[in-house]
Amino acid sequence: MELKAFPLLDTRCKRLMLRRKHRVGKRGRQTYHYRPQQRLINRLAAQLQMPPQAVRQQIAQERLYLLRQMYGPDIGPQDV
């Protein structure tokens, strides 16, 4: 898969995108759902010349691909 959005992200955004569980604390070890901020979506839409909805789908597809590379094929779309 060709990664279009991931290389354009900042280091902190990359770390958040690859996170799978919340930190230990009040929430325990619940699954983490990545929600990119609207500023990021707008910036990537301008850089990639895509509509914002397509950028959201691209980020979700790339996150699923990267999580499967790291943790194996049992990661599904519900984990993204």
PDB file of N, CA and C in Angstrom:
ATOM      1  N   MET A   1       0.839  -1.181   0.000  1.00  0.00           N
ATOM      2  CA  MET A   1       0.000   0.000   0.000  1.00  0.00           C
ATOM      3  C   MET A   1       0.884   1.244   0.000  1.00  0.00           C
ATOM      4  N   GLU A   2       0.496   2.212  -0.774  1.00  0.00           N
ATOM      5  CA  GLU A   2       1.231   3.475  -0.830  1.00  0.00           C
ATOM      6  C   GLU A   2       0.744   4.390   0.291  1.00  0.00           C
ATOM      7  N   LEU A   3       1.670   4.823   1.133  1.00  0.00           N
ATOM      8  CA  LEU A   3       1.332   5.723   2.237  1.00  0.00           C
ATOM      9  C   LEU A   3       1.446   7.160   1.736  1.00  0.00           C
ATOM     10  N   LYS A   4       0.309   7.843   1.667  1.00  0.00           N
ATOM     11  CA  LYS A   4       0.301   9.228   1.198  1.00  0.00           C
ATOM     12  C   LYS A   4       0.300  10.210   2.361  1.00  0.00           C
ATOM     13  N   ALA A   5      -0.546   9.977   3.349  1.00  0.00           N
ATOM     14  CA  ALA A   5      -0.729  10.933   4.440  1.00  0.00           C
ATOM     15  C   ALA A   5       0.280  10.737   5.558  1.00  0.00           C
ATOM     16  N   PHE A   6       0.662   9.507   5.859  1.00  0.00           N
ATOM     17  CA  PHE A   6       1.526   9.233   7.006  1.00  0.00           C
ATOM     18  C   PHE A   6       2.869   9.970   6.953  1.00  0.00           C
ATOM     19  N   PRO A   7       3.554  10.007   5.806  1.00  0.00           N
ATOM     20  CA  PRO A   7       4.836  10.736   5.777  1.00  0.00           C
ATOM     21  C   PRO A   7       4.691  12.243   5.989  1.00  0.00           C
ATOM     22  N   LEU A   8       3.516  12.788   5.761  1.00  0.00           N
ATOM     23  CA  LEU A   8       3.301  14.226   5.926  1.00  0.00           C
ATOM     24  C   LEU A   8       2.946  14.613   7.359  1.00  0.00           C
ATOM     25  N   LEU A   9       2.756  13.630   8.232  1.00  0.00           N
ATOM     26  CA  LEU A   9       2.372  13.901   9.603  1.00  0.00           C
ATOM     27  C   LEU A   9       3.569  14.290  10.452  1.00  0.00           C
ATOM     28  N   ASP A  10       3.284  15.028  11.513  1.00  0.00           N
ATOM     29  CA  ASP A  10       4.291  15.380  12.503  1.00  0.00           C
ATOM     30  C   ASP A  10       4.574  14.148  13.371  1.00  0.00           C
ATOM     31  N   THR A  11       5.653  14.183  14.131  1.00  0.00           N
ATOM     32  CA  THR A  11       6.042  13.050  14.963  1.00  0.00           C
ATOM     33  C   THR A  11       4.960  12.694  15.971  1.00  0.00           C
ATOM     34  N   ARG A  12       4.368  13.674  16.601  1.00  0.00           N
ATOM     35  CA  ARG A  12       3.339  13.402  17.606  1.00  0.00           C
ATOM     36  C   ARG A  12       2.101  12.769  16.971  1.00  0.00           C
ATOM     37  N   CYS A  13       1.718  13.257  15.804  1.00  0.00           N
ATOM     38  CA  CYS A  13       0.564  12.679  15.107  1.00  0.00           C
ATOM     39  C   CYS A  13       0.845  11.236  14.698  1.00  0.00           C
ATOM     40  N   LYS A  14       2.070  10.955  14.298  1.00  0.00           N
ATOM     41  CA  LYS A  14       2.433   9.586  13.931  1.00  0.00           C
ATOM     42  C   LYS A  14       2.319   8.664  15.136  1.00  0.00           C
ATOM     43  N   ARG A  15       2.819   9.130  16.290  1.00  0.00           N
ATOM     44  CA  ARG A  15       2.724   8.327  17.511  1.00  0.00           C
ATOM     45  C   ARG A  15       1.278   8.056  17.891  1.00  0.00           C
ATOM     46  N   LEU A  16       0.426   9.088  17.792  1.00  0.00           N
ATOM     47  CA  LEU A  16      -0.984   8.906  18.126  1.00  0.00           C
ATOM     48  C   LEU A  16      -1.666   7.966  17.138  1.00  0.00           C
ATOM     49  N   MET A  17      -1.274   8.035  15.891  1.00  0.00           N
ATOM     50  CA  MET A  17      -1.880   7.196  14.873  1.00  0.00           C
ATOM     51  C   MET A  17      -1.540   5.724  15.089  1.00  0.00           C
ATOM     52  N   LEU A  18      -0.348   5.435  15.610  1.00  0.00           N
ATOM     53  CA  LEU A  18       0.084   4.059  15.817  1.00  0.00           C
ATOM     54  C   LEU A  18      -0.287   3.523  17.195  1.00  0.00           C
ATOM     55  N   ARG A  19      -0.892   4.348  18.033  1.00  0.00           N
ATOM     56  CA  ARG A  19      -1.278   3.908  19.371  1.00  0.00           C
ATOM     57  C   ARG A  19      -2.447   2.944  19.266  1.00  0.00           C
ATOM     58  N   ARG A  20      -2.412   1.932  20.122  1.00  0.00           N
ATOM     59  CA  ARG A  20      -3.463   0.921  20.075  1.00  0.00           C
ATOM     60  C   ARG A  20      -4.281   0.892  21.359  1.00  0.00           C
ATOM     61  N   LYS A  21      -3.681   1.234  22.481  1.00  0.00           N
ATOM     62  CA  LYS A  21      -4.366   1.211  23.770  1.00  0.00           C
ATOM     63  C   LYS A  21      -4.193   2.553  24.457  1.00  0.00           C
ATOM     64  N   HIS A  22      -5.167   2.907  25.334  1.00  0.00           N
ATOM     65  CA  HIS A  22      -5.019   4.092  26.172  1.00  0.00           C
ATOM     66  C   HIS A  22      -3.924   3.841  27.190  1.00  0.00           C
ATOM     67  N   ARG A  23      -3.396   4.901  27.752  1.00  0.00           N
ATOM     68  CA  ARG A  23      -2.441   4.755  28.838  1.00  0.00           C
ATOM     69  C   ARG A  23      -3.139   4.173  30.064  1.00  0.00           C
ATOM     70  N   VAL A  24      -2.341   3.618  30.945  1.00  0.00           N
ATOM     71  CA  VAL A  24      -2.894   3.110  32.193  1.00  0.00           C
ATOM     72  C   VAL A  24      -3.343   4.303  33.027  1.00  0.00           C
ATOM     73  N   GLY A  25      -4.493   4.227  33.601  1.00  0.00           N
ATOM     74  CA  GLY A  25      -5.042   5.319  34.396  1.00  0.00           C
ATOM     75  C   GLY A  25      -6.514   5.088  34.621  1.00  0.00           C
ATOM     76  N   LYS A  26      -7.281   6.148  34.535  1.00  0.00           N
ATOM     77  CA  LYS A  26      -8.713   6.037  34.785  1.00  0.00           C
ATOM     78  C   LYS A  26      -9.401   5.122  33.772  1.00  0.00           C
ATOM     79  N   ARG A  27      -8.944   5.128  32.563  1.00  0.00           N
ATOM     80  CA  ARG A  27      -9.591   4.338  31.519  1.00  0.00           C
ATOM     81  C   ARG A  27      -9.071   2.909  31.458  1.00  0.00           C
ATOM     82  N   GLY A  28      -8.004   2.624  32.160  1.00  0.00           N
ATOM     83  CA  GLY A  28      -7.434   1.286  32.092  1.00  0.00           C
ATOM     84  C   GLY A  28      -6.764   1.060  30.758  1.00  0.00           C
ATOM     85  N   ARG A  29      -6.924  -0.124  30.238  1.00  0.00           N
ATOM     86  CA  ARG A  29      -6.310  -0.478  28.956  1.00  0.00           C
ATOM     87  C   ARG A  29      -7.347  -0.615  27.859  1.00  0.00           C
ATOM     88  N   GLN A  30      -8.205   0.381  27.720  1.00  0.00           N
ATOM     89  CA  GLN A  30      -9.221   0.357  26.675  1.00  0.00           C
ATOM     90  C   GLN A  30      -8.576   0.611  25.321  1.00  0.00           C
ATOM     91  N   THR A  31      -9.260   0.192  24.280  1.00  0.00           N
ATOM     92  CA  THR A  31      -8.728   0.439  22.937  1.00  0.00           C
ATOM     93  C   THR A  31      -8.781   1.933  22.635  1.00  0.00           C
ATOM     94  N   TYR A  32      -7.839   2.381  21.839  1.00  0.00           N
ATOM     95  CA  TYR A  32      -7.713   3.788  21.484  1.00  0.00           C
ATOM     96  C   TYR A  32      -8.238   3.971  20.063  1.00  0.00           C
ATOM     97  N   HIS A  33      -9.109   4.940  19.868  1.00  0.00           N
ATOM     98  CA  HIS A  33      -9.623   5.259  18.538  1.00  0.00           C
ATOM     99  C   HIS A  33      -9.050   6.607  18.124  1.00  0.00           C
ATOM    100  N   TYR A  34      -8.318   6.595  17.032  1.00  0.00           N
ATOM    101  CA  TYR A  34      -7.660   7.803  16.542  1.00  0.00           C
ATOM    102  C   TYR A  34      -8.672   8.708  15.861  1.00  0.00           C
ATOM    103  N   ARG A  35      -8.717   9.961  16.303  1.00  0.00           N
ATOM    104  CA  ARG A  35      -9.595  10.973  15.690  1.00  0.00           C
ATOM    105  C   ARG A  35      -8.738  12.184  15.328  1.00  0.00           C
ATOM    106  N   PRO A  36      -8.397  12.330  14.059  1.00  0.00           N
ATOM    107  CA  PRO A  36      -7.568  13.475  13.669  1.00  0.00           C
ATOM    108  C   PRO A  36      -8.322  14.793  13.799  1.00  0.00           C
ATOM    109  N   GLN A  37      -7.596  15.827  14.147  1.00  0.00           N
ATOM    110  CA  GLN A  37      -8.214  17.138  14.274  1.00  0.00           C
ATOM    111  C   GLN A  37      -8.550  17.702  12.898  1.00  0.00           C
ATOM    112  N   GLN A  38      -9.516  18.606  12.885  1.00  0.00           N
ATOM    113  CA  GLN A  38      -9.960  19.191  11.625  1.00  0.00           C
ATOM    114  C   GLN A  38      -8.853  19.999  10.957  1.00  0.00           C
ATOM    115  N   ARG A  39      -7.996  20.645  11.757  1.00  0.00           N
ATOM    116  CA  ARG A  39      -6.865  21.395  11.173  1.00  0.00           C
ATOM    117  C   ARG A  39      -5.972  20.475  10.364  1.00  0.00           C
ATOM    118  N   LEU A  40      -5.702  19.285  10.910  1.00  0.00           N
ATOM    119  CA  LEU A  40      -4.857  18.326  10.212  1.00  0.00           C
ATOM    120  C   LEU A  40      -5.525  17.865   8.919  1.00  0.00           C
ATOM    121  N   ILE A  41      -6.810  17.589   8.986  1.00  0.00           N
ATOM    122  CA  ILE A  41      -7.553  17.161   7.795  1.00  0.00           C
ATOM    123  C   ILE A  41      -7.498  18.235   6.715  1.00  0.00           C
ATOM    124  N   ASN A  42      -7.697  19.485   7.115  1.00  0.00           N
ATOM    125  CA  ASN A  42      -7.669  20.592   6.147  1.00  0.00           C
ATOM    126  C   ASN A  42      -6.284  20.764   5.542  1.00  0.00           C
ATOM    127  N   ARG A  43      -5.244  20.646   6.365  1.00  0.00           N
ATOM    128  CA  ARG A  43      -3.877  20.796   5.861  1.00  0.00           C
ATOM    129  C   ARG A  43      -3.540  19.687   4.876  1.00  0.00           C
ATOM    130  N   LEU A  44      -3.874  18.445   5.230  1.00  0.00           N
ATOM    131  CA  LEU A  44      -3.590  17.328   4.330  1.00  0.00           C
ATOM    132  C   LEU A  44      -4.428  17.398   3.062  1.00  0.00           C
ATOM    133  N   ALA A  45      -5.652  17.878   3.168  1.00  0.00           N
ATOM    134  CA  ALA A  45      -6.499  18.022   1.976  1.00  0.00           C
ATOM    135  C   ALA A  45      -5.883  19.018   1.007  1.00  0.00           C
ATOM    136  N   ALA A  46      -5.315  20.093   1.540  1.00  0.00           N
ATOM    137  CA  ALA A  46      -4.675  21.081   0.674  1.00  0.00           C
ATOM    138  C   ALA A  46      -3.390  20.523   0.065  1.00  0.00           C
ATOM    139  N   GLN A  47      -2.595  19.809   0.863  1.00  0.00           N
ATOM    140  CA  GLN A  47      -1.329  19.276   0.359  1.00  0.00           C
ATOM    141  C   GLN A  47      -1.541  18.147  -0.647  1.00  0.00           C
ATOM    142  N   LEU A  48      -2.507  17.273  -0.363  1.00  0.00           N
ATOM    143  CA  LEU A  48      -2.739  16.133  -1.251  1.00  0.00           C
ATOM    144  C   LEU A  48      -3.734  16.439  -2.359  1.00  0.00           C
ATOM    145  N   GLN A  49      -4.366  17.613  -2.306  1.00  0.00           N
ATOM    146  CA  GLN A  49      -5.375  18.035  -3.270  1.00  0.00           C
ATOM    147  C   GLN A  49      -6.490  16.994  -3.381  1.00  0.00           C
ATOM    148  N   MET A  50      -7.025  16.667  -2.198  1.00  0.00           N
ATOM    149  CA  MET A  50      -8.127  15.717  -2.079  1.00  0.00           C
ATOM    150  C   MET A  50      -9.212  16.366  -1.233  1.00  0.00           C
ATOM    151  N   PRO A  51     -10.456  15.930  -1.363  1.00  0.00           N
ATOM    152  CA  PRO A  51     -11.501  16.445  -0.464  1.00  0.00           C
ATOM    153  C   PRO A  51     -11.279  15.928   0.959  1.00  0.00           C
ATOM    154  N   PRO A  52     -11.740  16.658   1.963  1.00  0.00           N
ATOM    155  CA  PRO A  52     -11.506  16.254   3.359  1.00  0.00           C
ATOM    156  C   PRO A  52     -12.035  14.861   3.692  1.00  0.00           C
ATOM    157  N   GLN A  53     -13.165  14.468   3.134  1.00  0.00           N
ATOM    158  CA  GLN A  53     -13.702  13.131   3.420  1.00  0.00           C
ATOM    159  C   GLN A  53     -12.777  12.045   2.878  1.00  0.00           C
ATOM    160  N   ALA A  54     -12.180  12.278   1.729  1.00  0.00           N
ATOM    161  CA  ALA A  54     -11.234  11.313   1.159  1.00  0.00           C
ATOM    162  C   ALA A  54      -9.972  11.225   2.004  1.00  0.00           C
ATOM    163  N   VAL A  55      -9.563  12.353   2.588  1.00  0.00           N
ATOM    164  CA  VAL A  55      -8.381  12.351   3.462  1.00  0.00           C
ATOM    165  C   VAL A  55      -8.671  11.525   4.711  1.00  0.00           C
ATOM    166  N   ARG A  56      -9.861  11.673   5.281  1.00  0.00           N
ATOM    167  CA  ARG A  56     -10.243  10.870   6.455  1.00  0.00           C
ATOM    168  C   ARG A  56     -10.208   9.378   6.125  1.00  0.00           C
ATOM    169  N   GLN A  57     -10.733   9.003   4.980  1.00  0.00           N
ATOM    170  CA  GLN A  57     -10.720   7.596   4.574  1.00  0.00           C
ATOM    171  C   GLN A  57      -9.294   7.111   4.342  1.00  0.00           C
ATOM    172  N   GLN A  58      -8.463   7.955   3.745  1.00  0.00           N
ATOM    173  CA  GLN A  58      -7.069   7.591   3.492  1.00  0.00           C
ATOM    174  C   GLN A  58      -6.330   7.361   4.813  1.00  0.00           C
ATOM    175  N   ILE A  59      -6.551   8.233   5.785  1.00  0.00           N
ATOM    176  CA  ILE A  59      -5.903   8.083   7.090  1.00  0.00           C
ATOM    177  C   ILE A  59      -6.361   6.789   7.756  1.00  0.00           C
ATOM    178  N   ALA A  60      -7.647   6.483   7.695  1.00  0.00           N
ATOM    179  CA  ALA A  60      -8.171   5.255   8.302  1.00  0.00           C
ATOM    180  C   ALA A  60      -7.573   4.013   7.635  1.00  0.00           C
ATOM    181  N   GLN A  61      -7.459   4.031   6.309  1.00  0.00           N
ATOM    182  CA  GLN A  61      -6.877   2.899   5.591  1.00  0.00           C
ATOM    183  C   GLN A  61      -5.400   2.728   5.935  1.00  0.00           C
ATOM    184  N   GLU A  62      -4.672   3.847   6.008  1.00  0.00           N
ATOM    185  CA  GLU A  62      -3.252   3.768   6.338  1.00  0.00           C
ATOM    186  C   GLU A  62      -3.054   3.296   7.775  1.00  0.00           C
ATOM    187  N   ARG A  63      -3.906   3.758   8.684  1.00  0.00           N
ATOM    188  CA  ARG A  63      -3.783   3.331  10.077  1.00  0.00           C
ATOM    189  C   ARG A  63      -4.042   1.832  10.191  1.00  0.00           C
ATOM    190  N   LEU A  64      -5.066   1.337   9.523  1.00  0.00           N
ATOM    191  CA  LEU A  64      -5.355  -0.093   9.538  1.00  0.00           C
ATOM    192  C   LEU A  64      -4.176  -0.881   8.966  1.00  0.00           C
ATOM    193  N   TYR A  65      -3.607  -0.430   7.876  1.00  0.00           N
ATOM    194  CA  TYR A  65      -2.467  -1.106   7.261  1.00  0.00           C
ATOM    195  C   TYR A  65      -1.267  -1.135   8.211  1.00  0.00           C
ATOM    196  N   LEU A  66      -0.952   0.007   8.837  1.00  0.00           N
ATOM    197  CA  LEU A  66       0.203   0.075   9.728  1.00  0.00           C
ATOM    198  C   LEU A  66      -0.003  -0.751  10.997  1.00  0.00           C
ATOM    199  N   LEU A  67      -1.205  -0.743  11.547  1.00  0.00           N
ATOM    200  CA  LEU A  67      -1.467  -1.556  12.738  1.00  0.00           C
ATOM    201  C   LEU A  67      -1.387  -3.040  12.417  1.00  0.00           C
ATOM    202  N   ARG A  68      -1.847  -3.423  11.231  1.00  0.00           N
ATOM    203  CA  ARG A  68      -1.716  -4.834  10.835  1.00  0.00           C
ATOM    204  C   ARG A  68      -0.259  -5.223  10.645  1.00  0.00           C
ATOM    205  N   GLN A  69       0.562  -4.308  10.148  1.00  0.00           N
ATOM    206  CA  GLN A  69       1.989  -4.586   9.996  1.00  0.00           C
ATOM    207  C   GLN A  69       2.658  -4.777  11.354  1.00  0.00           C
ATOM    208  N   MET A  70       2.230  -3.992  12.346  1.00  0.00           N
ATOM    209  CA  MET A  70       2.853  -4.048  13.674  1.00  0.00           C
ATOM    210  C   MET A  70       2.326  -5.195  14.528  1.00  0.00           C
ATOM    211  N   TYR A  71       0.998  -5.443  14.506  1.00  0.00           N
ATOM    212  CA  TYR A  71       0.386  -6.360  15.455  1.00  0.00           C
ATOM    213  C   TYR A  71      -0.198  -7.619  14.838  1.00  0.00           C
ATOM    214  N   GLY A  72      -0.145  -7.761  13.550  1.00  0.00           N
ATOM    215  CA  GLY A  72      -0.654  -8.966  12.922  1.00  0.00           C
ATOM    216  C   GLY A  72      -2.000  -8.765  12.257  1.00  0.00           C
ATOM    217  N   PRO A  73      -2.446  -9.784  11.539  1.00  0.00           N
ATOM    218  CA  PRO A  73      -3.681  -9.644  10.752  1.00  0.00           C
ATOM    219  C   PRO A  73      -4.977  -9.661  11.571  1.00  0.00           C
ATOM    220  N   ASP A  74      -4.915  -9.929  12.904  1.00  0.00           N
ATOM    221  CA  ASP A  74      -6.162  -9.961  13.670  1.00  0.00           C
ATOM    222  C   ASP A  74      -6.711  -8.586  13.964  1.00  0.00           C
ATOM    223  N   ILE A  75      -6.029  -7.524  13.559  1.00  0.00           N
ATOM    224  CA  ILE A  75      -6.544  -6.168  13.721  1.00  0.00           C
ATOM    225  C   ILE A  75      -7.571  -5.938  12.611  1.00  0.00           C
ATOM    226  N   GLY A  76      -8.754  -5.506  12.996  1.00  0.00           N
ATOM    227  CA  GLY A  76      -9.821  -5.307  12.025  1.00  0.00           C
ATOM    228  C   GLY A  76     -10.226  -3.851  11.922  1.00  0.00           C
ATOM    229  N   PRO A  77     -11.126  -3.537  11.013  1.00  0.00           N
ATOM    230  CA  PRO A  77     -11.597  -2.149  10.858  1.00  0.00           C
ATOM    231  C   PRO A  77     -12.263  -1.597  12.108  1.00  0.00           C
ATOM    232  N   GLN A  78     -12.817  -2.461  12.971  1.00  0.00           N
ATOM    233  CA  GLN A  78     -13.429  -1.972  14.204  1.00  0.00           C
ATOM    234  C   GLN A  78     -12.378  -1.450  15.168  1.00  0.00           C
ATOM    235  N   ASP A  79     -11.117  -1.831  15.032  1.00  0.00           N
ATOM    236  CA  ASP A  79     -10.045  -1.353  15.900  1.00  0.00           C
ATOM    237  C   ASP A  79      -9.523   0.014  15.478  1.00  0.00           C
ATOM    238  N   VAL A  80      -9.842   0.436  14.262  1.00  0.00           N
ATOM    239  CA  VAL A  80      -9.375   1.712  13.759  1.00  0.00           C
ATOM    240  C   VAL A  80     -10.304   2.761  14.267  1.00  0.00           C
TER     241      VAL A  80
END
